Amino acid sequence: MTAFLTIFLTVFLAELGDKTQLATILFASDGERNRWLVFAAACSALAASTGIAILLGLAAERWLSAMPLKLIAGLGFVTIGGWMILAHVRTG
C-alpha cells in the first residue's frame, strides 16, 4: 500500500496545474460539451500515456541499471526547473 500511495501522490502532484489539466479545464468549461465525456476522455488519455510510459520504462530497464535511470530522470527535472526559472527571470 505504501508503494501505491507514493506513486499516486507523486503523479497527482506532478499533474496539478500542468498543460493537460489546463486543457481539461478548458474542455469542461465549454458549455456544449458533456462533462462526463470530458472526464472519460481525459482519464482515457492519461491511462494511455501512462501505459506508454510504463512500456518505455520496462524497455529502458533492460539497457540501464536503476541508478543511471534515476540520475537521468533527476537531471531532466533539474533542467526543466532551471529552464522555467530562467524563463521567469527573463520575462520579469
N, C-alpha and C. Protein backbone atom coordinates (compact mmCIF):
# COMPACT_ATOMS: atom_id res chain seq x y z
N MET A 1 0.82 -1.19 0.00
CA MET A 1 0.00 0.00 0.00
C MET A 1 0.86 1.26 0.00
N THR A 2 2.01 1.22 0.64
CA THR A 2 2.90 2.38 0.68
C THR A 2 3.39 2.73 -0.72
N ALA A 3 3.73 1.72 -1.51
CA ALA A 3 4.19 1.98 -2.88
C ALA A 3 3.08 2.63 -3.69
N PHE A 4 1.85 2.15 -3.54
CA PHE A 4 0.72 2.73 -4.26
C PHE A 4 0.56 4.21 -3.90
N LEU A 5 0.55 4.51 -2.61
CA LEU A 5 0.38 5.90 -2.16
C LEU A 5 1.52 6.80 -2.64
N THR A 6 2.73 6.29 -2.61
CA THR A 6 3.88 7.06 -3.08
C THR A 6 3.74 7.41 -4.55
N ILE A 7 3.40 6.41 -5.36
CA ILE A 7 3.22 6.63 -6.80
C ILE A 7 2.04 7.56 -7.05
N PHE A 8 0.92 7.31 -6.36
CA PHE A 8 -0.27 8.14 -6.54
C PHE A 8 0.03 9.60 -6.22
N LEU A 9 0.62 9.86 -5.05
CA LEU A 9 0.88 11.24 -4.65
C LEU A 9 1.89 11.92 -5.58
N THR A 10 2.90 11.19 -6.01
CA THR A 10 3.90 11.77 -6.91
C THR A 10 3.27 12.17 -8.23
N VAL A 11 2.50 11.27 -8.84
CA VAL A 11 1.85 11.58 -10.12
C VAL A 11 0.79 12.65 -9.94
N PHE A 12 0.00 12.55 -8.88
CA PHE A 12 -1.06 13.53 -8.62
C PHE A 12 -0.47 14.93 -8.48
N LEU A 13 0.57 15.09 -7.69
CA LEU A 13 1.18 16.40 -7.51
C LEU A 13 1.86 16.90 -8.78
N ALA A 14 2.45 15.98 -9.55
CA ALA A 14 3.09 16.37 -10.80
C ALA A 14 2.08 16.86 -11.83
N GLU A 15 0.87 16.31 -11.78
CA GLU A 15 -0.15 16.68 -12.75
C GLU A 15 -0.89 17.97 -12.41
N LEU A 16 -0.85 18.39 -11.15
CA LEU A 16 -1.58 19.60 -10.75
C LEU A 16 -1.06 20.82 -11.52
N GLY A 17 -1.97 21.47 -12.22
CA GLY A 17 -1.62 22.71 -12.91
C GLY A 17 -0.80 22.55 -14.18
N ASP A 18 -0.63 21.33 -14.67
CA ASP A 18 0.14 21.17 -15.90
C ASP A 18 -0.76 21.44 -17.11
N LYS A 19 -0.16 21.38 -18.29
CA LYS A 19 -0.91 21.69 -19.52
C LYS A 19 -2.08 20.74 -19.74
N THR A 20 -1.93 19.50 -19.35
CA THR A 20 -3.01 18.53 -19.52
C THR A 20 -4.22 18.94 -18.69
N GLN A 21 -3.98 19.32 -17.45
CA GLN A 21 -5.07 19.72 -16.59
C GLN A 21 -5.72 21.01 -17.10
N LEU A 22 -4.91 21.94 -17.56
CA LEU A 22 -5.46 23.19 -18.09
C LEU A 22 -6.31 22.94 -19.33
N ALA A 23 -5.87 22.03 -20.20
CA ALA A 23 -6.65 21.69 -21.39
C ALA A 23 -7.98 21.05 -20.98
N THR A 24 -7.94 20.19 -19.97
CA THR A 24 -9.17 19.56 -19.49
C THR A 24 -10.13 20.59 -18.91
N ILE A 25 -9.59 21.57 -18.18
CA ILE A 25 -10.42 22.65 -17.64
C ILE A 25 -11.09 23.42 -18.77
N LEU A 26 -10.33 23.69 -19.82
CA LEU A 26 -10.90 24.43 -20.96
C LEU A 26 -12.02 23.63 -21.63
N PHE A 27 -11.81 22.33 -21.83
CA PHE A 27 -12.85 21.50 -22.43
C PHE A 27 -14.09 21.44 -21.54
N ALA A 28 -13.88 21.32 -20.22
CA ALA A 28 -15.01 21.21 -19.30
C ALA A 28 -15.78 22.53 -19.18
N SER A 29 -15.10 23.64 -19.42
CA SER A 29 -15.77 24.94 -19.30
C SER A 29 -16.60 25.28 -20.54
N ASP A 30 -16.44 24.51 -21.60
CA ASP A 30 -17.24 24.70 -22.81
C ASP A 30 -18.64 24.16 -22.55
N GLY A 31 -19.62 25.01 -22.56
CA GLY A 31 -20.99 24.62 -22.24
C GLY A 31 -21.59 23.61 -23.19
N GLU A 32 -20.99 23.41 -24.35
CA GLU A 32 -21.55 22.49 -25.33
C GLU A 32 -21.06 21.06 -25.14
N ARG A 33 -20.06 20.86 -24.29
CA ARG A 33 -19.51 19.51 -24.09
C ARG A 33 -20.07 18.90 -22.81
N ASN A 34 -20.38 17.63 -22.89
CA ASN A 34 -20.83 16.87 -21.72
C ASN A 34 -19.65 16.68 -20.77
N ARG A 35 -19.83 17.01 -19.51
CA ARG A 35 -18.74 16.92 -18.52
C ARG A 35 -18.25 15.50 -18.34
N TRP A 36 -19.17 14.52 -18.42
CA TRP A 36 -18.77 13.12 -18.27
C TRP A 36 -17.95 12.65 -19.46
N LEU A 37 -18.25 13.19 -20.64
CA LEU A 37 -17.45 12.87 -21.82
C LEU A 37 -16.03 13.42 -21.65
N VAL A 38 -15.92 14.65 -21.16
CA VAL A 38 -14.60 15.26 -20.91
C VAL A 38 -13.85 14.41 -19.89
N PHE A 39 -14.53 14.04 -18.80
CA PHE A 39 -13.90 13.22 -17.77
C PHE A 39 -13.40 11.89 -18.33
N ALA A 40 -14.26 11.20 -19.07
CA ALA A 40 -13.90 9.89 -19.63
C ALA A 40 -12.75 10.01 -20.63
N ALA A 41 -12.80 11.02 -21.49
CA ALA A 41 -11.74 11.20 -22.49
C ALA A 41 -10.42 11.55 -21.81
N ALA A 42 -10.45 12.44 -20.82
CA ALA A 42 -9.22 12.83 -20.13
C ALA A 42 -8.62 11.65 -19.36
N CYS A 43 -9.48 10.87 -18.68
CA CYS A 43 -9.00 9.70 -17.96
C CYS A 43 -8.39 8.67 -18.92
N SER A 44 -9.04 8.46 -20.05
CA SER A 44 -8.54 7.51 -21.04
C SER A 44 -7.19 7.95 -21.60
N ALA A 45 -7.08 9.24 -21.88
CA ALA A 45 -5.81 9.76 -22.41
C ALA A 45 -4.69 9.61 -21.38
N LEU A 46 -4.98 9.92 -20.11
CA LEU A 46 -3.96 9.78 -19.08
C LEU A 46 -3.58 8.31 -18.90
N ALA A 47 -4.57 7.42 -18.94
CA ALA A 47 -4.27 5.98 -18.81
C ALA A 47 -3.42 5.50 -19.98
N ALA A 48 -3.73 5.95 -21.19
CA ALA A 48 -2.95 5.53 -22.37
C ALA A 48 -1.52 6.05 -22.31
N SER A 49 -1.35 7.32 -21.94
CA SER A 49 0.00 7.88 -21.87
C SER A 49 0.80 7.23 -20.74
N THR A 50 0.13 6.88 -19.64
CA THR A 50 0.80 6.18 -18.55
C THR A 50 1.21 4.78 -18.99
N GLY A 51 0.35 4.11 -19.75
CA GLY A 51 0.70 2.79 -20.28
C GLY A 51 1.93 2.84 -21.16
N ILE A 52 2.01 3.87 -22.00
CA ILE A 52 3.18 4.04 -22.86
C ILE A 52 4.43 4.29 -22.01
N ALA A 53 4.29 5.12 -20.97
CA ALA A 53 5.43 5.40 -20.09
C ALA A 53 5.91 4.13 -19.40
N ILE A 54 4.98 3.28 -18.99
CA ILE A 54 5.36 2.02 -18.34
C ILE A 54 6.10 1.12 -19.33
N LEU A 55 5.61 1.02 -20.55
CA LEU A 55 6.30 0.21 -21.57
C LEU A 55 7.70 0.74 -21.85
N LEU A 56 7.83 2.07 -21.93
CA LEU A 56 9.15 2.66 -22.14
C LEU A 56 10.07 2.40 -20.94
N GLY A 57 9.49 2.46 -19.72
CA GLY A 57 10.27 2.15 -18.53
C GLY A 57 10.75 0.72 -18.50
N LEU A 58 9.89 -0.20 -18.92
CA LEU A 58 10.29 -1.61 -18.98
C LEU A 58 11.40 -1.82 -20.00
N ALA A 59 11.29 -1.14 -21.14
CA ALA A 59 12.33 -1.26 -22.17
C ALA A 59 13.63 -0.65 -21.67
N ALA A 60 13.54 0.50 -21.00
CA ALA A 60 14.75 1.17 -20.50
C ALA A 60 15.44 0.33 -19.43
N GLU A 61 14.65 -0.41 -18.65
CA GLU A 61 15.21 -1.24 -17.59
C GLU A 61 16.16 -2.29 -18.14
N ARG A 62 15.89 -2.74 -19.34
CA ARG A 62 16.74 -3.77 -19.95
C ARG A 62 18.13 -3.23 -20.29
N TRP A 63 18.22 -1.94 -20.61
CA TRP A 63 19.50 -1.39 -21.05
C TRP A 63 20.19 -0.51 -20.00
N LEU A 64 19.45 -0.08 -19.01
CA LEU A 64 20.03 0.80 -17.99
C LEU A 64 19.81 0.20 -16.61
N SER A 65 20.79 0.40 -15.73
CA SER A 65 20.56 -0.01 -14.34
C SER A 65 19.71 1.06 -13.67
N ALA A 66 19.19 0.79 -12.48
CA ALA A 66 18.27 1.70 -11.79
C ALA A 66 18.93 3.04 -11.48
N MET A 67 20.19 3.04 -11.09
CA MET A 67 20.84 4.29 -10.70
C MET A 67 20.94 5.27 -11.86
N PRO A 68 21.48 4.87 -13.04
CA PRO A 68 21.53 5.84 -14.13
C PRO A 68 20.15 6.34 -14.55
N LEU A 69 19.13 5.47 -14.49
CA LEU A 69 17.79 5.89 -14.87
C LEU A 69 17.28 6.96 -13.91
N LYS A 70 17.49 6.78 -12.61
CA LYS A 70 17.10 7.79 -11.63
C LYS A 70 17.92 9.06 -11.82
N LEU A 71 19.17 8.91 -12.14
CA LEU A 71 20.03 10.08 -12.37
C LEU A 71 19.56 10.85 -13.60
N ILE A 72 19.24 10.15 -14.67
CA ILE A 72 18.75 10.80 -15.89
C ILE A 72 17.43 11.52 -15.61
N ALA A 73 16.51 10.86 -14.90
CA ALA A 73 15.23 11.49 -14.57
C ALA A 73 15.44 12.72 -13.69
N GLY A 74 16.30 12.61 -12.69
CA GLY A 74 16.59 13.74 -11.81
C GLY A 74 17.20 14.91 -12.56
N LEU A 75 18.14 14.63 -13.43
CA LEU A 75 18.75 15.70 -14.23
C LEU A 75 17.73 16.34 -15.16
N GLY A 76 16.83 15.53 -15.68
CA GLY A 76 15.77 16.08 -16.53
C GLY A 76 14.90 17.06 -15.77
N PHE A 77 14.50 16.69 -14.54
CA PHE A 77 13.66 17.58 -13.73
C PHE A 77 14.43 18.85 -13.36
N VAL A 78 15.70 18.71 -13.00
CA VAL A 78 16.51 19.88 -12.65
C VAL A 78 16.65 20.80 -13.86
N THR A 79 16.87 20.22 -15.05
CA THR A 79 16.99 21.01 -16.26
C THR A 79 15.70 21.77 -16.57
N ILE A 80 14.57 21.09 -16.47
CA ILE A 80 13.28 21.74 -16.72
C ILE A 80 13.04 22.84 -15.69
N GLY A 81 13.35 22.57 -14.42
CA GLY A 81 13.19 23.58 -13.38
C GLY A 81 14.06 24.80 -13.64
N GLY A 82 15.32 24.58 -14.02
CA GLY A 82 16.22 25.69 -14.35
C GLY A 82 15.72 26.49 -15.53
N TRP A 83 15.21 25.80 -16.53
CA TRP A 83 14.66 26.47 -17.71
C TRP A 83 13.47 27.34 -17.34
N MET A 84 12.61 26.82 -16.46
CA MET A 84 11.45 27.59 -16.03
C MET A 84 11.86 28.82 -15.21
N ILE A 85 12.84 28.67 -14.34
CA ILE A 85 13.33 29.81 -13.55
C ILE A 85 13.94 30.85 -14.47
N LEU A 86 14.73 30.42 -15.44
CA LEU A 86 15.34 31.34 -16.40
C LEU A 86 14.29 32.08 -17.20
N ALA A 87 13.26 31.37 -17.64
CA ALA A 87 12.18 32.00 -18.40
C ALA A 87 11.46 33.03 -17.55
N HIS A 88 11.27 32.73 -16.27
CA HIS A 88 10.62 33.68 -15.37
C HIS A 88 11.46 34.94 -15.19
N VAL A 89 12.77 34.75 -15.01
CA VAL A 89 13.67 35.89 -14.80
C VAL A 89 13.71 36.77 -16.05
N ARG A 90 13.72 36.14 -17.22
CA ARG A 90 13.78 36.90 -18.47
C ARG A 90 12.53 37.73 -18.72
N THR A 91 11.37 37.19 -18.32
CA THR A 91 10.13 37.92 -18.57
C THR A 91 9.81 38.90 -17.45
N GLY A 92 10.54 38.79 -16.36
CA GLY A 92 10.38 39.74 -15.25
C GLY A 92 9.20 39.47 -14.48
